[in-house]
Amino acid sequence: MVQHKYRGSAQVLPRPRLDRRMIKSETQGFIELIKIASIYLVFTSLYACSVLYLEERYGDALYSVPGQIGSVFGLAVAFFLGFRMNSAYDRWWEARKIFGELTNNTRSFVGKCGIYVPSIDSKRDATVACKQLVDLAIAYVRQLKSEMHEVQHPELDEHTKKLFGDNRVDVQNKLTNEILLALAVKVEQTFQSSNAIEKYDLMQHVGRFFDIQGKAERINNTPFLHIYGAFTRIIVISYVILMPFFIGDIDPGGEDSMLELLAIPILVLISTAFLTINRLANLLGEPLSEHRTSVAIDVICQTIVQDSEQFKVKFQPKSESAANEVG
C-alpha cells in the first residue's frame, strides 16, 4: 500500500514526473489492453479447443442450436455492453473535468493571493498571510487526493502540523472540510472592510473548492451500477459459453481438410472482445481508483502543488527569495 505523507510546503518540489500508471500514448494503451485481454485470451482459447475436441469425438450433432438464437442473443449483449461503455466513459470524463476544475481554481486562488494580499498595510504581515493561504490551499489539494484514495488521515510532517495548529485545524475531523474552513477564516482575518471586493473574490474560490469536493465525493462514493454490471457480466459469459453452438461447424473443405480449425481463432477473437469490453467498462466506471485506466489524480495534484509552490516563491521579497535559493 502506498504511504501518503505531506511534505513541508517550504520546500520547492521537483517538477512532477509522469506517473508510471499513466497511459500517455497509444502504444502504452495497446500494452495495457493486451494485459487486460490476455487472461480472457487464454481461457477462451482453452474453451474453444475443448468444444472442437468434443465435436470431433461426438460429431456435428453437438451443434443443434439454431443460429438465429445466437444472432438475437449477440445483438442484446452488444446493446448492453454499448450502453455500459458509454456510461463508464461519461463517468470517467466527468471525474477528469472535476480535477481540471480543481487545477484552474487553485491556480487562480493562489495567483490572486499574491496580488490581493500585499494590499494590506504591513509587508511582513502580507508575506506571512500569503504564505499561509497558499500552504492551506496546497494542504487541501493533497488531502482531497488522499481522501479519493480512501486515506482519511495521512501522516503529517512537522510543517503541516504547525500550519494546522496555527489555523486551528482539527485533525480528528474530516480534514478537507477543516482546511477549507480554516482557509475561509484566514481570508476573513486577512482582509478588512476596505478590501471587501478582494475578500469576496477569494471567498468565491473557497466556495468553488467546496463544490469541487462535493462533485469528486459523489463520483468516488457512488458505485457504478453494480447490479447492472453483474447482469451484464452474466449475459456476456453466457453468450461466450454458448457461442460455439451458435456458430456451428465451420468446415467448408470437408471433414479431412482441417479447415474447421478456423473456428478456434474466430471464437477466441469474438469472445475475448466481448469480455474485454465488459472489463474496460468496469475499470472506466471507477475513474478515481488507482488503476492505470483511471484519472491520474496523483499527477494532477502534484502538478497543482508544484505550480502553487512556484507562485509562493514569487510572493517573497527579493532578499528572502535570494536567501532561500542560496540555502
C-alpha atoms as a PDB file:
ATOM      1  CA  MET A   1       0.000   0.000   0.000  1.00  0.00           C
ATOM      2  CA  VAL A   2       1.285   3.453  -0.913  1.00  0.00           C
ATOM      3  CA  GLN A   3       2.044   5.604   2.107  1.00  0.00           C
ATOM      4  CA  HIS A   4       0.589   9.080   1.873  1.00  0.00           C
ATOM      5  CA  LYS A   5       2.540  11.810   3.601  1.00  0.00           C
ATOM      6  CA  TYR A   6       2.508  15.580   3.418  1.00  0.00           C
ATOM      7  CA  ARG A   7       5.818  17.244   2.739  1.00  0.00           C
ATOM      8  CA  GLY A   8       6.768  20.613   4.060  1.00  0.00           C
ATOM      9  CA  SER A   9       5.466  23.425   1.892  1.00  0.00           C
ATOM     10  CA  ALA A  10       8.654  25.398   2.456  1.00  0.00           C
ATOM     11  CA  GLN A  11      10.478  23.020   0.150  1.00  0.00           C
ATOM     12  CA  VAL A  12      10.007  23.536  -3.580  1.00  0.00           C
ATOM     13  CA  LEU A  13       9.224  20.187  -5.121  1.00  0.00           C
ATOM     14  CA  PRO A  14      10.837  18.989  -8.360  1.00  0.00           C
ATOM     15  CA  ARG A  15       8.718  19.097 -11.485  1.00  0.00           C
ATOM     16  CA  PRO A  16       6.371  16.108 -11.291  1.00  0.00           C
ATOM     17  CA  ARG A  17       7.359  13.129 -13.352  1.00  0.00           C
ATOM     18  CA  LEU A  18       4.810  11.140 -15.277  1.00  0.00           C
ATOM     19  CA  ASP A  19       3.226   8.539 -13.046  1.00  0.00           C
ATOM     20  CA  ARG A  20       4.174   5.046 -14.131  1.00  0.00           C
ATOM     21  CA  ARG A  21       0.467   4.191 -14.019  1.00  0.00           C
ATOM     22  CA  MET A  22      -0.432   6.849 -16.573  1.00  0.00           C
ATOM     23  CA  ILE A  23      -1.228   5.844 -20.149  1.00  0.00           C
ATOM     24  CA  LYS A  24       0.271   8.642 -22.238  1.00  0.00           C
ATOM     25  CA  SER A  25       0.488   7.079 -25.693  1.00  0.00           C
ATOM     26  CA  GLU A  26      -1.349   4.688 -27.966  1.00  0.00           C
ATOM     27  CA  THR A  27       1.485   2.186 -27.579  1.00  0.00           C
ATOM     28  CA  GLN A  28       1.105   2.172 -23.800  1.00  0.00           C
ATOM     29  CA  GLY A  29      -2.641   1.832 -24.260  1.00  0.00           C
ATOM     30  CA  PHE A  30      -2.148  -1.167 -26.524  1.00  0.00           C
ATOM     31  CA  ILE A  31       0.183  -2.808 -23.994  1.00  0.00           C
ATOM     32  CA  GLU A  32      -2.333  -2.257 -21.193  1.00  0.00           C
ATOM     33  CA  LEU A  33      -5.093  -3.632 -23.408  1.00  0.00           C
ATOM     34  CA  ILE A  34      -3.059  -6.790 -24.028  1.00  0.00           C
ATOM     35  CA  LYS A  35      -2.549  -7.184 -20.275  1.00  0.00           C
ATOM     36  CA  ILE A  36      -6.279  -6.914 -19.651  1.00  0.00           C
ATOM     37  CA  ALA A  37      -7.267  -9.187 -22.538  1.00  0.00           C
ATOM     38  CA  SER A  38      -4.554 -11.836 -22.082  1.00  0.00           C
ATOM     39  CA  ILE A  39      -6.375 -13.744 -19.349  1.00  0.00           C
ATOM     40  CA  TYR A  40      -9.515 -13.878 -21.484  1.00  0.00           C
ATOM     41  CA  LEU A  41      -7.441 -14.904 -24.491  1.00  0.00           C
ATOM     42  CA  VAL A  42      -6.078 -17.906 -22.619  1.00  0.00           C
ATOM     43  CA  PHE A  43      -9.402 -19.111 -21.223  1.00  0.00           C
ATOM     44  CA  THR A  44     -11.353 -18.646 -24.454  1.00  0.00           C
ATOM     45  CA  SER A  45      -8.630 -20.498 -26.380  1.00  0.00           C
ATOM     46  CA  LEU A  46      -8.842 -23.446 -23.994  1.00  0.00           C
ATOM     47  CA  TYR A  47     -12.621 -23.415 -24.165  1.00  0.00           C
ATOM     48  CA  ALA A  48     -12.714 -23.247 -27.972  1.00  0.00           C
ATOM     49  CA  CYS A  49     -10.269 -26.138 -28.251  1.00  0.00           C
ATOM     50  CA  SER A  50     -12.338 -28.184 -25.779  1.00  0.00           C
ATOM     51  CA  VAL A  51     -15.544 -27.657 -27.750  1.00  0.00           C
ATOM     52  CA  LEU A  52     -13.810 -28.549 -31.002  1.00  0.00           C
ATOM     53  CA  TYR A  53     -12.476 -31.732 -29.411  1.00  0.00           C
ATOM     54  CA  LEU A  54     -15.970 -32.688 -28.252  1.00  0.00           C
ATOM     55  CA  GLU A  55     -17.287 -32.046 -31.755  1.00  0.00           C
ATOM     56  CA  GLU A  56     -14.645 -34.307 -33.270  1.00  0.00           C
ATOM     57  CA  ARG A  57     -15.439 -37.015 -30.758  1.00  0.00           C
ATOM     58  CA  TYR A  58     -19.254 -36.892 -30.731  1.00  0.00           C
ATOM     59  CA  GLY A  59     -19.988 -35.492 -34.170  1.00  0.00           C
ATOM     60  CA  ASP A  60     -21.831 -32.479 -35.545  1.00  0.00           C
ATOM     61  CA  ALA A  61     -24.950 -33.312 -33.529  1.00  0.00           C
ATOM     62  CA  LEU A  62     -23.334 -31.198 -30.824  1.00  0.00           C
ATOM     63  CA  TYR A  63     -24.243 -28.121 -32.861  1.00  0.00           C
ATOM     64  CA  SER A  64     -28.015 -28.315 -32.678  1.00  0.00           C
ATOM     65  CA  VAL A  65     -28.793 -24.751 -31.505  1.00  0.00           C
ATOM     66  CA  PRO A  66     -30.382 -22.593 -34.265  1.00  0.00           C
ATOM     67  CA  GLY A  67     -28.112 -19.789 -35.430  1.00  0.00           C
ATOM     68  CA  GLN A  68     -30.951 -17.226 -35.287  1.00  0.00           C
ATOM     69  CA  ILE A  69     -30.981 -17.518 -31.495  1.00  0.00           C
ATOM     70  CA  GLY A  70     -27.301 -16.626 -31.410  1.00  0.00           C
ATOM     71  CA  SER A  71     -27.883 -13.556 -33.601  1.00  0.00           C
ATOM     72  CA  VAL A  72     -30.609 -12.198 -31.321  1.00  0.00           C
ATOM     73  CA  PHE A  73     -28.609 -13.006 -28.195  1.00  0.00           C
ATOM     74  CA  GLY A  74     -25.483 -11.369 -29.603  1.00  0.00           C
ATOM     75  CA  LEU A  75     -27.413  -8.218 -30.510  1.00  0.00           C
ATOM     76  CA  ALA A  76     -28.746  -7.963 -26.959  1.00  0.00           C
ATOM     77  CA  VAL A  77     -25.257  -8.427 -25.496  1.00  0.00           C
ATOM     78  CA  ALA A  78     -23.814  -5.769 -27.814  1.00  0.00           C
ATOM     79  CA  PHE A  79     -26.573  -3.352 -26.772  1.00  0.00           C
ATOM     80  CA  PHE A  80     -25.903  -3.869 -23.069  1.00  0.00           C
ATOM     81  CA  LEU A  81     -22.146  -3.502 -23.495  1.00  0.00           C
ATOM     82  CA  GLY A  82     -22.507  -0.371 -25.600  1.00  0.00           C
ATOM     83  CA  PHE A  83     -24.715   1.301 -23.009  1.00  0.00           C
ATOM     84  CA  ARG A  84     -22.399   0.318 -20.165  1.00  0.00           C
ATOM     85  CA  MET A  85     -19.280   1.502 -22.001  1.00  0.00           C
ATOM     86  CA  ASN A  86     -20.842   4.886 -22.786  1.00  0.00           C
ATOM     87  CA  SER A  87     -21.945   5.310 -19.166  1.00  0.00           C
ATOM     88  CA  ALA A  88     -18.472   4.383 -17.913  1.00  0.00           C
ATOM     89  CA  TYR A  89     -16.745   6.851 -20.226  1.00  0.00           C
ATOM     90  CA  ASP A  90     -19.136   9.652 -19.216  1.00  0.00           C
ATOM     91  CA  ARG A  91     -18.280   8.928 -15.595  1.00  0.00           C
ATOM     92  CA  TRP A  92     -14.532   8.911 -16.347  1.00  0.00           C
ATOM     93  CA  TRP A  93     -14.725  12.177 -18.267  1.00  0.00           C
ATOM     94  CA  GLU A  94     -16.745  13.849 -15.513  1.00  0.00           C
ATOM     95  CA  ALA A  95     -14.034  12.919 -12.993  1.00  0.00           C
ATOM     96  CA  ARG A  96     -11.380  14.373 -15.301  1.00  0.00           C
ATOM     97  CA  LYS A  97     -13.317  17.624 -15.625  1.00  0.00           C
ATOM     98  CA  ILE A  98     -13.676  17.839 -11.838  1.00  0.00           C
ATOM     99  CA  PHE A  99      -9.924  17.682 -11.290  1.00  0.00           C
ATOM    100  CA  GLY A 100      -9.360  20.049 -14.188  1.00  0.00           C
ATOM    101  CA  GLU A 101     -11.639  22.469 -12.361  1.00  0.00           C
ATOM    102  CA  LEU A 102      -9.602  21.904  -9.196  1.00  0.00           C
ATOM    103  CA  THR A 103      -6.436  22.798 -11.123  1.00  0.00           C
ATOM    104  CA  ASN A 104      -7.891  26.010 -12.530  1.00  0.00           C
ATOM    105  CA  ASN A 105      -9.471  27.129  -9.259  1.00  0.00           C
ATOM    106  CA  THR A 106      -6.325  26.513  -7.198  1.00  0.00           C
ATOM    107  CA  ARG A 107      -4.047  28.321  -9.633  1.00  0.00           C
ATOM    108  CA  SER A 108      -6.435  31.269  -9.780  1.00  0.00           C
ATOM    109  CA  PHE A 109      -6.780  31.395  -5.982  1.00  0.00           C
ATOM    110  CA  VAL A 110      -3.032  31.254  -5.380  1.00  0.00           C
ATOM    111  CA  GLY A 111      -2.323  33.833  -8.061  1.00  0.00           C
ATOM    112  CA  LYS A 112      -4.899  36.239  -6.658  1.00  0.00           C
ATOM    113  CA  CYS A 113      -3.470  35.804  -3.168  1.00  0.00           C
ATOM    114  CA  GLY A 114      -0.190  37.181  -4.465  1.00  0.00           C
ATOM    115  CA  ILE A 115      -1.980  40.182  -5.944  1.00  0.00           C
ATOM    116  CA  TYR A 116      -4.559  40.962  -3.259  1.00  0.00           C
ATOM    117  CA  VAL A 117      -2.735  40.207  -0.020  1.00  0.00           C
ATOM    118  CA  PRO A 118       0.122  42.739  -0.488  1.00  0.00           C
ATOM    119  CA  SER A 119      -2.558  45.455  -0.481  1.00  0.00           C
ATOM    120  CA  ILE A 120      -2.732  45.222   3.331  1.00  0.00           C
ATOM    121  CA  ASP A 121      -0.611  47.633   5.389  1.00  0.00           C
ATOM    122  CA  SER A 122       2.345  45.629   6.714  1.00  0.00           C
ATOM    123  CA  LYS A 123       4.505  43.990   4.070  1.00  0.00           C
ATOM    124  CA  ARG A 124       5.764  41.356   6.510  1.00  0.00           C
ATOM    125  CA  ASP A 125       2.215  40.523   7.546  1.00  0.00           C
ATOM    126  CA  ALA A 126       1.288  40.315   3.885  1.00  0.00           C
ATOM    127  CA  THR A 127       4.065  37.822   3.177  1.00  0.00           C
ATOM    128  CA  VAL A 128       3.157  35.627   6.154  1.00  0.00           C
ATOM    129  CA  ALA A 129      -0.561  35.732   5.378  1.00  0.00           C
ATOM    130  CA  CYS A 130       0.037  34.981   1.700  1.00  0.00           C
ATOM    131  CA  LYS A 131       2.252  32.008   2.553  1.00  0.00           C
ATOM    132  CA  GLN A 132      -0.328  30.566   4.917  1.00  0.00           C
ATOM    133  CA  LEU A 133      -3.145  30.945   2.388  1.00  0.00           C
ATOM    134  CA  VAL A 134      -1.092  29.157  -0.266  1.00  0.00           C
ATOM    135  CA  ASP A 135       0.041  26.471   2.174  1.00  0.00           C
ATOM    136  CA  LEU A 136      -3.577  25.812   3.181  1.00  0.00           C
ATOM    137  CA  ALA A 137      -4.577  25.531  -0.469  1.00  0.00           C
ATOM    138  CA  ILE A 138      -1.728  23.082  -1.070  1.00  0.00           C
ATOM    139  CA  ALA A 139      -2.687  21.064   2.002  1.00  0.00           C
ATOM    140  CA  TYR A 140      -6.274  20.932   0.751  1.00  0.00           C
ATOM    141  CA  VAL A 141      -5.264  19.581  -2.668  1.00  0.00           C
ATOM    142  CA  ARG A 142      -3.120  16.886  -1.069  1.00  0.00           C
ATOM    143  CA  GLN A 143      -5.815  15.920   1.409  1.00  0.00           C
ATOM    144  CA  LEU A 144      -8.511  15.738  -1.267  1.00  0.00           C
ATOM    145  CA  LYS A 145      -6.306  13.385  -3.277  1.00  0.00           C
ATOM    146  CA  SER A 146      -5.705  11.238  -0.190  1.00  0.00           C
ATOM    147  CA  GLU A 147      -9.408  11.011   0.571  1.00  0.00           C
ATOM    148  CA  MET A 148     -10.136   9.947  -3.002  1.00  0.00           C
ATOM    149  CA  HIS A 149      -7.741   7.062  -2.299  1.00  0.00           C
ATOM    150  CA  GLU A 150      -9.623   6.246   0.926  1.00  0.00           C
ATOM    151  CA  VAL A 151      -6.853   7.647   3.176  1.00  0.00           C
ATOM    152  CA  GLN A 152      -8.757   9.901   5.555  1.00  0.00           C
ATOM    153  CA  HIS A 153      -5.893  10.781   7.902  1.00  0.00           C
ATOM    154  CA  PRO A 154      -2.493  10.644   6.153  1.00  0.00           C
ATOM    155  CA  GLU A 155       0.735  11.088   8.036  1.00  0.00           C
ATOM    156  CA  LEU A 156       1.597  14.767   8.515  1.00  0.00           C
ATOM    157  CA  ASP A 157       5.058  16.287   8.630  1.00  0.00           C
ATOM    158  CA  GLU A 158       6.098  18.927  11.150  1.00  0.00           C
ATOM    159  CA  HIS A 159       5.499  21.858   8.815  1.00  0.00           C
ATOM    160  CA  THR A 160       1.936  20.777   8.102  1.00  0.00           C
ATOM    161  CA  LYS A 161       1.247  20.077  11.781  1.00  0.00           C
ATOM    162  CA  LYS A 162       2.388  23.599  12.635  1.00  0.00           C
ATOM    163  CA  LEU A 163       0.276  25.019   9.819  1.00  0.00           C
ATOM    164  CA  PHE A 164      -2.796  23.170  11.060  1.00  0.00           C
ATOM    165  CA  GLY A 165      -2.089  24.184  14.646  1.00  0.00           C
ATOM    166  CA  ASP A 166      -1.715  27.869  13.758  1.00  0.00           C
ATOM    167  CA  ASN A 167      -5.023  27.799  11.882  1.00  0.00           C
ATOM    168  CA  ARG A 168      -6.947  25.633  14.393  1.00  0.00           C
ATOM    169  CA  VAL A 169      -7.475  22.723  12.019  1.00  0.00           C
ATOM    170  CA  ASP A 170      -8.937  19.782  13.960  1.00  0.00           C
ATOM    171  CA  VAL A 171      -7.152  16.730  12.543  1.00  0.00           C
ATOM    172  CA  GLN A 172      -9.695  14.399  14.155  1.00  0.00           C
ATOM    173  CA  ASN A 173     -12.475  15.681  11.901  1.00  0.00           C
ATOM    174  CA  LYS A 174     -12.797  15.420   8.135  1.00  0.00           C
ATOM    175  CA  LEU A 175      -9.648  17.233   7.072  1.00  0.00           C
ATOM    176  CA  THR A 176     -10.829  18.631   3.750  1.00  0.00           C
ATOM    177  CA  ASN A 177     -13.718  20.411   5.454  1.00  0.00           C
ATOM    178  CA  GLU A 178     -11.481  21.638   8.264  1.00  0.00           C
ATOM    179  CA  ILE A 179      -8.889  23.011   5.841  1.00  0.00           C
ATOM    180  CA  LEU A 180     -11.491  24.882   3.799  1.00  0.00           C
ATOM    181  CA  LEU A 181     -12.993  26.361   6.955  1.00  0.00           C
ATOM    182  CA  ALA A 182      -9.523  27.464   8.055  1.00  0.00           C
ATOM    183  CA  LEU A 183      -8.941  28.918   4.592  1.00  0.00           C
ATOM    184  CA  ALA A 184     -12.181  30.913   4.782  1.00  0.00           C
ATOM    185  CA  VAL A 185     -11.330  32.182   8.263  1.00  0.00           C
ATOM    186  CA  LYS A 186      -7.842  33.190   7.118  1.00  0.00           C
ATOM    187  CA  VAL A 187      -9.252  35.161   4.195  1.00  0.00           C
ATOM    188  CA  GLU A 188     -11.727  36.870   6.547  1.00  0.00           C
ATOM    189  CA  GLN A 189      -8.961  37.766   9.020  1.00  0.00           C
ATOM    190  CA  THR A 190      -6.536  38.963   6.379  1.00  0.00           C
ATOM    191  CA  PHE A 191      -8.827  41.410   4.594  1.00  0.00           C
ATOM    192  CA  GLN A 192     -10.538  44.313   6.296  1.00  0.00           C
ATOM    193  CA  SER A 193     -13.732  46.087   5.265  1.00  0.00           C
ATOM    194  CA  SER A 194     -11.714  48.306   2.923  1.00  0.00           C
ATOM    195  CA  ASN A 195     -10.762  45.214   0.934  1.00  0.00           C
ATOM    196  CA  ALA A 196     -14.284  43.845   0.567  1.00  0.00           C
ATOM    197  CA  ILE A 197     -14.020  43.226  -3.183  1.00  0.00           C
ATOM    198  CA  GLU A 198     -10.822  41.203  -2.885  1.00  0.00           C
ATOM    199  CA  LYS A 199     -12.195  39.251   0.075  1.00  0.00           C
ATOM    200  CA  TYR A 200     -15.409  38.450  -1.796  1.00  0.00           C
ATOM    201  CA  ASP A 201     -13.442  37.249  -4.821  1.00  0.00           C
ATOM    202  CA  LEU A 202     -11.271  34.887  -2.746  1.00  0.00           C
ATOM    203  CA  MET A 203     -14.333  33.624  -0.863  1.00  0.00           C
ATOM    204  CA  GLN A 204     -15.850  32.694  -4.210  1.00  0.00           C
ATOM    205  CA  HIS A 205     -12.841  30.469  -4.828  1.00  0.00           C
ATOM    206  CA  VAL A 206     -13.269  28.834  -1.424  1.00  0.00           C
ATOM    207  CA  GLY A 207     -16.895  28.141  -2.308  1.00  0.00           C
ATOM    208  CA  ARG A 208     -15.794  26.529  -5.564  1.00  0.00           C
ATOM    209  CA  PHE A 209     -13.432  24.292  -3.584  1.00  0.00           C
ATOM    210  CA  PHE A 210     -16.468  23.030  -1.671  1.00  0.00           C
ATOM    211  CA  ASP A 211     -18.320  22.437  -4.954  1.00  0.00           C
ATOM    212  CA  ILE A 212     -15.391  20.536  -6.445  1.00  0.00           C
ATOM    213  CA  GLN A 213     -15.072  18.388  -3.342  1.00  0.00           C
ATOM    214  CA  GLY A 214     -18.772  17.526  -3.440  1.00  0.00           C
ATOM    215  CA  LYS A 215     -18.587  16.501  -7.086  1.00  0.00           C
ATOM    216  CA  ALA A 216     -15.490  14.357  -6.510  1.00  0.00           C
ATOM    217  CA  GLU A 217     -17.046  12.659  -3.474  1.00  0.00           C
ATOM    218  CA  ARG A 218     -20.200  11.925  -5.441  1.00  0.00           C
ATOM    219  CA  ILE A 219     -18.158  10.108  -8.086  1.00  0.00           C
ATOM    220  CA  ASN A 220     -15.994   8.324  -5.526  1.00  0.00           C
ATOM    221  CA  ASN A 221     -18.766   7.248  -3.146  1.00  0.00           C
ATOM    222  CA  THR A 222     -21.445   6.269  -5.664  1.00  0.00           C
ATOM    223  CA  PRO A 223     -20.983   2.719  -7.012  1.00  0.00           C
ATOM    224  CA  PHE A 224     -21.119   2.284 -10.764  1.00  0.00           C
ATOM    225  CA  LEU A 225     -24.364   0.332 -11.199  1.00  0.00           C
ATOM    226  CA  HIS A 226     -23.115  -2.894  -9.644  1.00  0.00           C
ATOM    227  CA  ILE A 227     -26.415  -4.699 -10.181  1.00  0.00           C
ATOM    228  CA  TYR A 228     -26.433  -3.787 -13.849  1.00  0.00           C
ATOM    229  CA  GLY A 229     -22.749  -4.727 -14.055  1.00  0.00           C
ATOM    230  CA  ALA A 230     -23.434  -8.170 -12.576  1.00  0.00           C
ATOM    231  CA  PHE A 231     -26.283  -8.707 -15.032  1.00  0.00           C
ATOM    232  CA  THR A 232     -24.103  -7.654 -17.969  1.00  0.00           C
ATOM    233  CA  ARG A 233     -21.323  -9.994 -16.850  1.00  0.00           C
ATOM    234  CA  ILE A 234     -23.751 -12.902 -16.628  1.00  0.00           C
ATOM    235  CA  ILE A 235     -25.131 -12.422 -20.124  1.00  0.00           C
ATOM    236  CA  VAL A 236     -21.642 -11.850 -21.606  1.00  0.00           C
ATOM    237  CA  ILE A 237     -20.262 -15.036 -20.048  1.00  0.00           C
ATOM    238  CA  SER A 238     -23.393 -16.950 -21.084  1.00  0.00           C
ATOM    239  CA  TYR A 239     -23.008 -15.738 -24.647  1.00  0.00           C
ATOM    240  CA  VAL A 240     -19.335 -16.710 -24.722  1.00  0.00           C
ATOM    241  CA  ILE A 241     -20.174 -20.186 -23.432  1.00  0.00           C
ATOM    242  CA  LEU A 242     -22.945 -20.705 -25.993  1.00  0.00           C
ATOM    243  CA  MET A 243     -21.169 -19.042 -28.915  1.00  0.00           C
ATOM    244  CA  PRO A 244     -19.575 -22.248 -30.338  1.00  0.00           C
ATOM    245  CA  PHE A 245     -23.012 -23.835 -30.505  1.00  0.00           C
ATOM    246  CA  PHE A 246     -24.458 -20.741 -32.200  1.00  0.00           C
ATOM    247  CA  ILE A 247     -21.752 -20.562 -34.852  1.00  0.00           C
ATOM    248  CA  GLY A 248     -21.874 -24.245 -35.655  1.00  0.00           C
ATOM    249  CA  ASP A 249     -19.409 -26.388 -37.576  1.00  0.00           C
ATOM    250  CA  ILE A 250     -17.097 -24.284 -39.767  1.00  0.00           C
ATOM    251  CA  ASP A 251     -15.977 -26.917 -42.243  1.00  0.00           C
ATOM    252  CA  PRO A 252     -16.025 -25.597 -45.830  1.00  0.00           C
ATOM    253  CA  GLY A 253     -13.416 -28.067 -47.090  1.00  0.00           C
ATOM    254  CA  GLY A 254     -14.893 -31.274 -45.699  1.00  0.00           C
ATOM    255  CA  GLU A 255     -14.005 -33.363 -42.677  1.00  0.00           C
ATOM    256  CA  ASP A 256     -10.478 -34.105 -43.916  1.00  0.00           C
ATOM    257  CA  SER A 257      -9.475 -30.523 -44.802  1.00  0.00           C
ATOM    258  CA  MET A 258      -8.796 -29.414 -41.196  1.00  0.00           C
ATOM    259  CA  LEU A 259     -10.326 -26.040 -42.089  1.00  0.00           C
ATOM    260  CA  GLU A 260     -12.660 -26.497 -39.165  1.00  0.00           C
ATOM    261  CA  LEU A 261      -9.736 -25.368 -37.005  1.00  0.00           C
ATOM    262  CA  LEU A 262     -10.577 -21.864 -38.232  1.00  0.00           C
ATOM    263  CA  ALA A 263     -13.395 -21.934 -35.684  1.00  0.00           C
ATOM    264  CA  ILE A 264     -10.864 -21.604 -32.864  1.00  0.00           C
ATOM    265  CA  PRO A 265      -9.435 -18.137 -33.725  1.00  0.00           C
ATOM    266  CA  ILE A 266     -12.907 -16.869 -34.685  1.00  0.00           C
ATOM    267  CA  LEU A 267     -14.387 -17.948 -31.352  1.00  0.00           C
ATOM    268  CA  VAL A 268     -11.401 -16.678 -29.407  1.00  0.00           C
ATOM    269  CA  LEU A 269     -11.444 -13.272 -31.122  1.00  0.00           C
ATOM    270  CA  ILE A 270     -15.163 -12.642 -30.614  1.00  0.00           C
ATOM    271  CA  SER A 271     -15.248 -13.993 -27.063  1.00  0.00           C
ATOM    272  CA  THR A 272     -12.167 -12.056 -25.962  1.00  0.00           C
ATOM    273  CA  ALA A 273     -13.543  -8.860 -27.474  1.00  0.00           C
ATOM    274  CA  PHE A 274     -16.832  -9.113 -25.557  1.00  0.00           C
ATOM    275  CA  LEU A 275     -15.143  -9.981 -22.269  1.00  0.00           C
ATOM    276  CA  THR A 276     -12.504  -7.257 -22.642  1.00  0.00           C
ATOM    277  CA  ILE A 277     -15.079  -4.569 -23.410  1.00  0.00           C
ATOM    278  CA  ASN A 278     -17.009  -5.542 -20.295  1.00  0.00           C
ATOM    279  CA  ARG A 279     -13.830  -5.378 -18.215  1.00  0.00           C
ATOM    280  CA  LEU A 280     -12.865  -1.976 -19.638  1.00  0.00           C
ATOM    281  CA  ALA A 281     -16.315  -0.637 -18.818  1.00  0.00           C
ATOM    282  CA  ASN A 282     -15.868  -1.769 -15.204  1.00  0.00           C
ATOM    283  CA  LEU A 283     -12.452  -0.080 -14.985  1.00  0.00           C
ATOM    284  CA  LEU A 284     -13.555   3.197 -16.570  1.00  0.00           C
ATOM    285  CA  GLY A 285     -16.555   3.227 -14.264  1.00  0.00           C
ATOM    286  CA  GLU A 286     -14.176   3.697 -11.292  1.00  0.00           C
ATOM    287  CA  PRO A 287     -12.260   6.775 -12.504  1.00  0.00           C
ATOM    288  CA  LEU A 288     -10.769   7.710  -9.114  1.00  0.00           C
ATOM    289  CA  SER A 289      -9.247   4.322  -8.322  1.00  0.00           C
ATOM    290  CA  GLU A 290      -5.517   3.651  -8.671  1.00  0.00           C
ATOM    291  CA  HIS A 291      -5.703   1.562 -11.838  1.00  0.00           C
ATOM    292  CA  ARG A 292      -3.830   2.748 -14.926  1.00  0.00           C
ATOM    293  CA  THR A 293      -7.077   3.384 -16.772  1.00  0.00           C
ATOM    294  CA  SER A 294      -8.280   5.754 -14.032  1.00  0.00           C
ATOM    295  CA  VAL A 295      -7.863   9.513 -13.991  1.00  0.00           C
ATOM    296  CA  ALA A 296      -4.278  10.275 -12.938  1.00  0.00           C
ATOM    297  CA  ILE A 297      -5.233  12.405  -9.946  1.00  0.00           C
ATOM    298  CA  ASP A 298      -1.845  11.857  -8.280  1.00  0.00           C
ATOM    299  CA  VAL A 299      -0.063  13.577 -11.167  1.00  0.00           C
ATOM    300  CA  ILE A 300      -2.714  16.279 -11.471  1.00  0.00           C
ATOM    301  CA  CYS A 301      -2.485  17.147  -7.772  1.00  0.00           C
ATOM    302  CA  GLN A 302       1.300  17.021  -7.820  1.00  0.00           C
ATOM    303  CA  THR A 303       1.306  19.496 -10.712  1.00  0.00           C
ATOM    304  CA  ILE A 304      -1.044  21.799  -8.786  1.00  0.00           C
ATOM    305  CA  VAL A 305       1.272  21.689  -5.765  1.00  0.00           C
ATOM    306  CA  GLN A 306       4.311  22.393  -7.932  1.00  0.00           C
ATOM    307  CA  ASP A 307       2.685  25.393  -9.583  1.00  0.00           C
ATOM    308  CA  SER A 308       1.499  26.740  -6.221  1.00  0.00           C
ATOM    309  CA  GLU A 309       4.990  26.431  -4.755  1.00  0.00           C
ATOM    310  CA  GLN A 310       6.399  28.390  -7.682  1.00  0.00           C
ATOM    311  CA  PHE A 311       3.770  31.094  -7.173  1.00  0.00           C
ATOM    312  CA  LYS A 312       4.668  31.281  -3.493  1.00  0.00           C
ATOM    313  CA  VAL A 313       8.351  31.861  -4.222  1.00  0.00           C
ATOM    314  CA  LYS A 314       7.402  34.898  -6.304  1.00  0.00           C
ATOM    315  CA  PHE A 315       5.449  36.358  -3.388  1.00  0.00           C
ATOM    316  CA  GLN A 316       8.530  36.549  -1.179  1.00  0.00           C
ATOM    317  CA  PRO A 317      10.625  39.727  -1.018  1.00  0.00           C
ATOM    318  CA  LYS A 318      13.658  39.546  -3.275  1.00  0.00           C
ATOM    319  CA  SER A 319      16.102  39.405  -0.393  1.00  0.00           C
ATOM    320  CA  GLU A 320      14.270  36.483   1.192  1.00  0.00           C
ATOM    321  CA  SER A 321      13.962  34.639  -2.123  1.00  0.00           C
ATOM    322  CA  ALA A 322      17.709  35.029  -2.720  1.00  0.00           C
ATOM    323  CA  ALA A 323      18.462  33.714   0.769  1.00  0.00           C
ATOM    324  CA  ASN A 324      16.268  30.668   0.146  1.00  0.00           C
ATOM    325  CA  GLU A 325      17.980  29.942  -3.160  1.00  0.00           C
ATOM    326  CA  VAL A 326      21.423  30.193  -1.511  1.00  0.00           C
ATOM    327  CA  GLY A 327      20.250  27.941   1.348  1.00  0.00           C
END
